[in-house]
Protein backbone atom coordinates (compact mmCIF):
# COMPACT_ATOMS: atom_id res chain seq x y z
CA MET A 1 -44.20 15.74 -77.91
CA LYS A 2 -43.32 12.87 -75.53
CA LYS A 3 -43.91 15.18 -72.55
CA ILE A 4 -47.33 16.14 -73.87
CA ILE A 5 -48.32 12.49 -74.40
CA LEU A 6 -46.98 11.47 -70.95
CA THR A 7 -48.83 14.34 -69.28
CA ALA A 8 -52.02 13.37 -71.08
CA LEU A 9 -51.68 9.72 -70.03
CA ILE A 10 -51.07 10.67 -66.39
CA ALA A 11 -54.05 13.02 -66.43
CA PHE A 12 -56.22 10.32 -68.03
CA GLY A 13 -55.07 7.75 -65.48
CA PHE A 14 -55.75 10.08 -62.57
CA SER A 15 -59.21 11.05 -63.83
CA ASN A 16 -59.99 7.39 -64.50
CA LEU A 17 -58.96 6.47 -60.94
CA GLN A 18 -61.08 9.33 -59.63
CA ALA A 19 -64.07 8.08 -61.59
CA GLN A 20 -63.57 4.56 -60.23
CA GLU A 21 -63.49 5.90 -56.67
CA GLU A 22 -66.60 7.98 -57.26
CA THR A 23 -68.50 4.99 -58.66
CA LYS A 24 -67.29 2.54 -56.01
CA SER A 25 -70.14 0.25 -55.01
CA PRO A 26 -71.64 0.85 -51.55
CA PHE A 27 -72.13 -2.93 -51.20
CA THR A 28 -69.60 -5.31 -49.65
CA PHE A 29 -69.97 -9.07 -49.29
CA SER A 30 -68.32 -11.29 -46.70
CA GLY A 31 -68.51 -14.76 -45.23
CA TYR A 32 -67.36 -16.81 -42.27
CA VAL A 33 -67.20 -20.57 -41.66
CA ASP A 34 -66.21 -22.12 -38.31
CA VAL A 35 -65.98 -25.94 -38.10
CA TYR A 36 -65.15 -27.69 -34.82
CA TYR A 37 -64.63 -30.92 -32.92
CA SER A 38 -65.18 -31.00 -29.16
CA TYR A 39 -64.65 -33.92 -26.80
CA ASP A 40 -66.45 -33.85 -23.45
CA PHE A 41 -64.89 -36.25 -20.92
CA GLY A 42 -68.31 -36.57 -19.31
CA LYS A 43 -69.29 -38.62 -22.41
CA PRO A 44 -72.90 -37.44 -22.88
CA ASP A 45 -74.94 -40.06 -24.77
CA ASN A 46 -76.77 -37.42 -26.79
CA HIS A 47 -73.47 -35.80 -27.84
CA THR A 48 -74.68 -32.47 -26.44
CA ARG A 49 -72.81 -30.45 -23.84
CA PRO A 50 -74.53 -28.78 -20.81
CA GLY A 51 -77.54 -26.65 -21.72
CA PHE A 52 -75.96 -23.31 -20.84
CA PHE A 53 -73.51 -23.65 -23.75
CA TYR A 54 -74.60 -22.46 -27.20
CA ASN A 55 -71.28 -22.41 -29.07
CA TYR A 56 -69.28 -25.58 -29.83
CA ASN A 57 -71.82 -27.57 -27.82
CA LYS A 58 -71.78 -30.89 -29.68
CA SER A 59 -69.45 -33.54 -28.24
CA ASN A 60 -67.42 -36.20 -30.01
CA GLU A 61 -68.50 -35.18 -33.50
CA VAL A 62 -67.30 -32.85 -36.23
CA ASN A 63 -69.83 -30.08 -36.74
CA LEU A 64 -70.43 -26.56 -38.03
CA ASN A 65 -70.60 -23.97 -35.27
CA LEU A 66 -71.35 -21.03 -37.54
CA GLY A 67 -71.56 -20.56 -41.29
CA LEU A 68 -72.36 -16.97 -42.19
CA GLY A 69 -72.98 -14.98 -45.37
CA LYS A 70 -73.34 -11.21 -45.10
CA VAL A 71 -74.05 -8.21 -47.32
CA ASN A 72 -73.33 -4.69 -46.07
CA TYR A 73 -74.55 -1.39 -47.56
CA ASN A 74 -72.75 1.78 -46.53
CA THR A 75 -72.98 5.37 -47.74
CA GLU A 76 -72.38 8.67 -46.01
CA ASN A 77 -75.89 8.83 -44.54
CA VAL A 78 -77.38 5.35 -44.87
CA ARG A 79 -76.16 1.91 -43.83
CA GLY A 80 -77.58 -1.57 -43.65
CA ASN A 81 -76.61 -5.16 -42.89
CA PHE A 82 -78.21 -8.48 -43.77
CA ALA A 83 -76.69 -11.84 -42.82
CA LEU A 84 -77.99 -15.40 -42.80
CA MET A 85 -76.42 -18.23 -40.84
CA ALA A 86 -76.45 -21.96 -40.19
CA GLY A 87 -74.76 -24.21 -37.64
CA THR A 88 -75.19 -25.48 -34.11
CA TYR A 89 -74.90 -21.93 -32.72
CA ALA A 90 -78.01 -20.91 -34.69
CA GLU A 91 -79.82 -24.17 -33.89
CA TYR A 92 -79.42 -23.86 -30.11
CA ASN A 93 -79.10 -20.14 -29.42
CA LEU A 94 -82.14 -19.19 -31.52
CA ALA A 95 -84.25 -22.22 -30.64
CA ALA A 96 -87.02 -20.00 -29.24
CA GLU A 97 -87.38 -17.95 -32.43
CA GLN A 98 -89.94 -18.60 -35.15
CA GLY A 99 -89.33 -20.44 -38.43
CA LEU A 100 -86.83 -18.78 -40.74
CA LEU A 101 -85.94 -16.20 -38.06
CA LYS A 102 -83.74 -18.90 -36.56
CA ASN A 103 -81.31 -18.35 -39.44
CA VAL A 104 -81.12 -14.55 -39.26
CA TYR A 105 -77.82 -13.36 -37.84
CA GLU A 106 -78.33 -9.69 -38.62
CA ALA A 107 -80.91 -7.58 -40.47
CA ASN A 108 -80.86 -3.85 -39.82
CA VAL A 109 -80.84 -0.42 -41.43
CA GLY A 110 -79.39 2.83 -40.14
CA VAL A 111 -79.80 6.51 -41.01
CA LYS A 112 -77.53 9.39 -40.01
CA ILE A 113 -79.76 12.10 -38.55
CA SER A 114 -77.29 14.95 -38.10
CA GLU A 115 -75.19 16.80 -40.66
CA ASN A 116 -72.68 18.04 -38.09
CA HIS A 117 -72.46 15.10 -35.68
CA ASN A 118 -71.93 11.33 -35.91
CA LEU A 119 -75.47 10.55 -34.74
CA TRP A 120 -77.32 7.52 -36.11
CA ILE A 121 -80.60 5.69 -35.68
CA ASP A 122 -80.45 1.94 -36.41
CA ALA A 123 -83.36 -0.50 -36.36
CA GLY A 124 -83.79 -4.24 -36.82
CA VAL A 125 -81.92 -7.32 -35.66
CA MET A 126 -78.52 -6.16 -34.41
CA PRO A 127 -75.50 -7.51 -32.52
CA SER A 128 -75.98 -7.13 -28.78
CA HIS A 129 -74.71 -4.01 -27.03
CA ILE A 130 -73.73 -6.23 -24.09
CA GLY A 131 -70.34 -7.88 -23.64
CA PHE A 132 -66.99 -8.18 -25.39
CA GLU A 133 -67.49 -11.64 -27.00
CA SER A 134 -69.54 -12.42 -30.09
CA ALA A 135 -70.56 -15.49 -32.08
CA ILE A 136 -67.70 -14.76 -34.53
CA GLY A 137 -64.97 -16.89 -33.01
CA LYS A 138 -62.03 -15.26 -34.77
CA ASP A 139 -62.88 -11.96 -33.03
CA CYS A 140 -62.69 -13.52 -29.54
CA GLN A 141 -59.52 -14.11 -27.54
CA ASN A 142 -60.59 -17.63 -26.54
CA LEU A 143 -61.95 -20.42 -28.72
CA SER A 144 -65.04 -21.00 -26.55
CA ARG A 145 -67.13 -18.24 -25.03
CA SER A 146 -67.21 -17.49 -21.31
CA ILE A 147 -70.25 -18.59 -19.27
CA LEU A 148 -70.91 -14.87 -18.85
CA ALA A 149 -71.15 -14.38 -22.63
CA GLU A 150 -73.13 -17.56 -23.30
CA ASN A 151 -75.83 -16.47 -20.87
CA SER A 152 -76.27 -12.85 -21.86
CA PRO A 153 -77.58 -11.60 -25.24
CA TYR A 154 -75.60 -12.20 -28.43
CA TYR A 155 -78.20 -10.30 -30.47
CA GLU A 156 -81.12 -7.92 -29.94
CA THR A 157 -84.03 -6.50 -31.90
CA GLY A 158 -85.29 -2.95 -31.66
CA VAL A 159 -84.34 0.65 -32.32
CA LYS A 160 -81.03 2.25 -31.29
CA ILE A 161 -79.84 5.83 -31.29
CA GLY A 162 -76.05 6.08 -31.09
CA TYR A 163 -73.58 8.95 -30.94
CA THR A 164 -69.81 8.89 -31.46
CA SER A 165 -67.85 11.96 -30.36
CA GLU A 166 -65.74 13.87 -32.85
CA SER A 167 -62.57 12.61 -31.16
CA GLY A 168 -63.79 9.01 -31.33
CA LYS A 169 -63.15 8.55 -27.63
CA TRP A 170 -66.79 8.42 -26.53
CA TYR A 171 -69.72 6.33 -27.72
CA LEU A 172 -73.20 6.66 -26.19
CA ALA A 173 -76.30 4.70 -27.18
CA GLY A 174 -79.86 4.08 -26.01
CA MET A 175 -82.15 1.24 -27.20
CA TYR A 176 -85.80 0.29 -27.22
CA LEU A 177 -85.82 -3.53 -27.45
CA ASN A 178 -88.16 -6.49 -27.92
CA GLY A 179 -86.56 -8.25 -24.96
CA TRP A 180 -83.55 -10.13 -23.67
CA GLN A 181 -82.02 -11.70 -26.80
CA ARG A 182 -85.24 -11.87 -28.80
CA ILE A 183 -86.44 -11.21 -32.32
CA ALA A 184 -90.11 -11.95 -31.54
CA LYS A 185 -91.54 -10.85 -28.18
CA VAL A 186 -92.77 -13.35 -25.60
CA GLU A 187 -96.44 -14.16 -26.17
CA GLY A 188 -98.59 -12.13 -23.77
CA ASN A 189 -95.75 -9.68 -23.10
CA HIS A 190 -96.49 -6.03 -23.87
CA THR A 191 -93.79 -4.59 -21.62
CA PRO A 192 -91.13 -2.36 -23.20
CA ALA A 193 -87.46 -3.17 -22.66
CA PHE A 194 -84.57 -0.75 -22.72
CA GLY A 195 -80.78 -0.75 -22.98
CA THR A 196 -77.93 1.73 -22.74
CA GLN A 197 -74.24 1.69 -23.62
CA LEU A 198 -71.36 3.97 -22.71
CA THR A 199 -67.89 3.30 -24.16
CA TYR A 200 -64.77 5.34 -23.45
CA LYS A 201 -61.45 4.96 -25.31
CA PRO A 202 -58.97 7.31 -23.63
CA THR A 203 -56.12 5.92 -25.78
CA ASP A 204 -55.76 3.35 -28.54
CA LYS A 205 -54.65 0.87 -25.84
CA VAL A 206 -57.64 1.10 -23.49
CA VAL A 207 -61.38 0.44 -23.92
CA LEU A 208 -63.82 0.88 -21.01
CA ASN A 209 -67.48 -0.11 -21.36
CA TRP A 210 -70.69 -0.03 -19.32
CA SER A 211 -73.88 -1.54 -20.77
CA THR A 212 -77.29 -1.93 -19.13
CA TYR A 213 -80.58 -3.70 -19.73
CA MET A 214 -84.02 -3.32 -18.14
CA GLY A 215 -87.09 -5.36 -19.06
CA ASN A 216 -89.58 -8.13 -18.31
CA GLU A 217 -89.06 -11.59 -19.82
CA GLN A 218 -92.39 -13.15 -18.84
CA PRO A 219 -95.99 -12.64 -20.01
CA ASP A 220 -97.45 -9.54 -18.36
CA ILE A 221 -99.65 -11.69 -16.12
CA ASP A 222 -96.43 -12.85 -14.41
CA LYS A 223 -94.34 -9.69 -14.87
CA LYS A 224 -90.91 -9.72 -13.21
CA TRP A 225 -88.61 -6.77 -13.82
CA ARG A 226 -85.01 -7.59 -14.70
CA TYR A 227 -82.12 -5.13 -14.27
CA PHE A 228 -78.70 -5.96 -15.65
CA ASN A 229 -75.27 -4.30 -15.79
CA ASN A 230 -72.28 -5.33 -17.88
CA PHE A 231 -68.85 -3.81 -17.24
CA TYR A 232 -65.59 -4.56 -19.02
CA GLY A 233 -62.19 -3.13 -19.76
CA GLN A 234 -59.72 -4.12 -22.48
CA PHE A 235 -56.07 -3.17 -22.09
CA LYS A 236 -53.14 -3.49 -24.48
CA VAL A 237 -50.39 -3.88 -21.89
CA THR A 238 -47.57 -4.39 -24.41
CA GLU A 239 -47.39 -4.96 -28.16
CA LYS A 240 -47.77 -8.70 -27.47
CA THR A 241 -49.96 -8.77 -24.35
CA ASN A 242 -53.66 -8.00 -23.95
CA VAL A 243 -55.81 -8.19 -20.82
CA THR A 244 -59.61 -8.21 -20.68
CA ALA A 245 -61.54 -7.97 -17.41
CA GLY A 246 -65.33 -8.16 -17.23
CA PHE A 247 -68.07 -8.25 -14.63
CA ASP A 248 -71.79 -8.88 -15.08
CA ILE A 249 -74.43 -8.46 -12.39
CA GLY A 250 -78.17 -8.85 -12.80
CA THR A 251 -81.22 -8.94 -10.57
CA GLN A 252 -84.82 -9.95 -11.18
CA GLN A 253 -87.98 -9.79 -9.08
CA ALA A 254 -88.62 -13.08 -7.26
CA ALA A 255 -92.34 -12.78 -8.07
CA LYS A 256 -94.74 -10.29 -9.61
CA ASN A 257 -94.92 -7.05 -7.59
CA SER A 258 -92.38 -8.49 -5.13
CA ASN A 259 -89.84 -6.41 -3.21
CA GLN A 260 -87.54 -9.45 -3.17
CA TYR A 261 -84.97 -9.82 -5.94
CA ASP A 262 -82.86 -12.76 -7.12
CA THR A 263 -79.31 -11.83 -8.12
CA TRP A 264 -76.69 -13.43 -10.34
CA PHE A 265 -73.17 -12.25 -11.14
CA SER A 266 -70.02 -13.26 -13.00
CA PRO A 267 -66.43 -11.96 -13.05
CA VAL A 268 -64.01 -13.00 -15.82
CA VAL A 269 -60.36 -12.24 -16.66
CA ILE A 270 -58.58 -13.12 -19.92
CA LEU A 271 -54.85 -12.85 -20.60
CA GLN A 272 -53.71 -13.08 -24.21
CA TYR A 273 -50.09 -13.27 -25.37
CA LYS A 274 -48.84 -13.21 -28.97
CA PRO A 275 -45.26 -14.54 -29.11
CA THR A 276 -45.17 -14.36 -32.94
CA ASN A 277 -47.33 -12.98 -35.74
CA LYS A 278 -48.85 -16.42 -36.29
CA VAL A 279 -49.22 -17.73 -32.73
CA GLN A 280 -51.63 -16.56 -30.02
CA LEU A 281 -51.93 -17.94 -26.49
CA ALA A 282 -54.74 -17.16 -24.05
CA ALA A 283 -55.86 -18.14 -20.56
CA ARG A 284 -59.21 -17.37 -18.94
CA GLY A 285 -60.41 -17.54 -15.35
CA GLU A 286 -64.09 -17.08 -14.53
CA TYR A 287 -66.79 -17.57 -11.91
CA TYR A 288 -70.57 -17.63 -12.39
CA SER A 289 -73.03 -17.50 -9.50
CA ASP A 290 -76.78 -17.93 -10.04
CA GLU A 291 -78.08 -19.34 -6.76
CA LYS A 292 -81.78 -18.90 -7.58
CA GLY A 293 -81.54 -20.17 -11.15
CA VAL A 294 -82.71 -17.00 -12.90
CA ILE A 295 -80.51 -17.64 -15.94
CA ILE A 296 -79.13 -21.17 -15.37
CA ALA A 297 -81.62 -23.37 -13.54
CA THR A 298 -80.20 -26.45 -11.77
CA GLU A 299 -82.76 -27.38 -9.06
CA THR A 300 -79.86 -28.09 -6.68
CA PRO A 301 -79.42 -26.71 -3.12
CA ASN A 302 -76.83 -24.06 -4.03
CA GLY A 303 -77.90 -23.39 -7.59
CA PHE A 304 -75.26 -22.75 -10.25
CA LYS A 305 -72.00 -21.65 -8.61
CA THR A 306 -69.18 -22.58 -10.97
CA TYR A 307 -65.50 -21.76 -11.40
CA GLY A 308 -63.89 -22.17 -14.79
CA PHE A 309 -60.41 -22.14 -16.31
CA SER A 310 -59.42 -22.48 -19.95
CA ALA A 311 -56.22 -22.27 -21.98
CA ASN A 312 -55.96 -22.12 -25.74
CA PHE A 313 -53.45 -22.10 -28.57
CA ASP A 314 -54.18 -20.33 -31.87
CA TYR A 315 -52.26 -20.65 -35.11
CA LEU A 316 -52.92 -18.22 -37.97
CA VAL A 317 -52.46 -20.43 -41.03
CA THR A 318 -52.99 -17.40 -43.29
CA ASP A 319 -54.40 -13.94 -42.72
CA ASN A 320 -57.94 -15.31 -42.97
CA VAL A 321 -57.60 -18.89 -41.67
CA MET A 322 -57.26 -19.70 -37.97
CA PHE A 323 -56.70 -23.07 -36.26
CA ARG A 324 -57.45 -23.22 -32.54
CA ILE A 325 -57.32 -25.75 -29.71
CA GLU A 326 -58.59 -25.19 -26.18
CA ALA A 327 -58.74 -27.17 -22.94
CA ARG A 328 -61.37 -26.12 -20.40
CA ASN A 329 -62.37 -27.25 -16.92
CA LEU A 330 -65.44 -26.27 -14.89
CA SER A 331 -65.93 -26.99 -11.20
CA SER A 332 -69.25 -26.42 -9.42
CA LYS A 333 -70.38 -26.45 -5.78
CA ASP A 334 -73.23 -28.86 -6.62
CA ASP A 335 -73.45 -31.81 -9.00
CA VAL A 336 -74.74 -29.80 -11.95
CA PHE A 337 -72.82 -31.80 -14.59
CA THR A 338 -72.83 -35.46 -15.58
CA LYS A 339 -70.07 -37.99 -16.13
CA ASP A 340 -70.86 -41.42 -17.56
CA ASN A 341 -74.57 -40.54 -17.02
CA LEU A 342 -74.06 -39.90 -13.29
CA PRO A 343 -74.19 -36.51 -11.48
CA ALA A 344 -70.80 -34.79 -11.21
CA SER A 345 -69.44 -31.50 -9.88
CA THR A 346 -66.76 -31.09 -12.57
CA ASN A 347 -66.68 -31.00 -16.34
CA THR A 348 -63.62 -31.15 -18.60
CA PHE A 349 -63.54 -30.86 -22.36
CA VAL A 350 -61.17 -30.15 -25.26
CA THR A 351 -62.21 -28.31 -28.41
CA THR A 352 -60.51 -27.66 -31.73
CA SER A 353 -61.74 -25.44 -34.54
CA MET A 354 -60.79 -24.22 -37.98
CA ALA A 355 -62.27 -20.92 -39.10
CA VAL A 356 -62.02 -19.09 -42.42
CA SER A 357 -63.26 -15.59 -43.18
CA PHE A 358 -63.64 -14.14 -46.67
């Protein structure tokens, strides 16, 4: 009798668990809050760091870089994401967007269009297909973003078709976009913009990526074609050591219908070391050259030609709470920075942050 009862209970428990799995909600909810304090030794009176920074860009004040609430919907053939945000990242990086669009981090829907292959079409406001750094600080090896990342798209709006191979080693995607980091198109611009992405993961320790962009960022009356390539590799050298190497190069017509092009480029290398499960160390070296001021305008003889070095210490308070501190120095060929309200060729600042994800 006991065996019969025990068998019945086990069967009931198993069927109950099965039913719970079958009725599992396709919705998931998550959030992220990143608060920071940054001190710029240049002492800007307006408490705002140089204009090419969009993350952690307020000086000598405690502020919110990014507060994010997100809902995700995911089934076998349909997926969607909607996230709203607030903070200085949203205020400065989406300053050109309209009204409430300034607070949209992500809003997209995707449909699987093949029964036999992992082939999807996604449309809406999506994370950018360019680069290895995002606005979510905890996912980046350094506290602050590289100049390369700050001056290429964090987000994009359009339609994407993406394919992941059965082995998971290859990912290929093509996009039709509204423009270079835009939700709403530039007024008077009717030019299409396009992007591509190719990612190869030969092993679980190596990621190789090539992303491209082609478009016009001006009204059609002053059309200038822009062509951009982003390359990066991420390598897990040992269980405790990671290396990331990236290189961006872009070119844009000097004038409408011109055969002359203005070029900018940026290499970056990041070394991350994890001595313990709770401590992460990282160092970054970078260079950004934009002589003609296509992306970073300076109106100086040599344009923006800047070397940078940063070092940071991370402490994982818990699995979902991270404390970080970073020191960073930038050195330019021209006086593109300020110190005590006077032109300067160097800029040094220290930033701390506390981030929680849930």
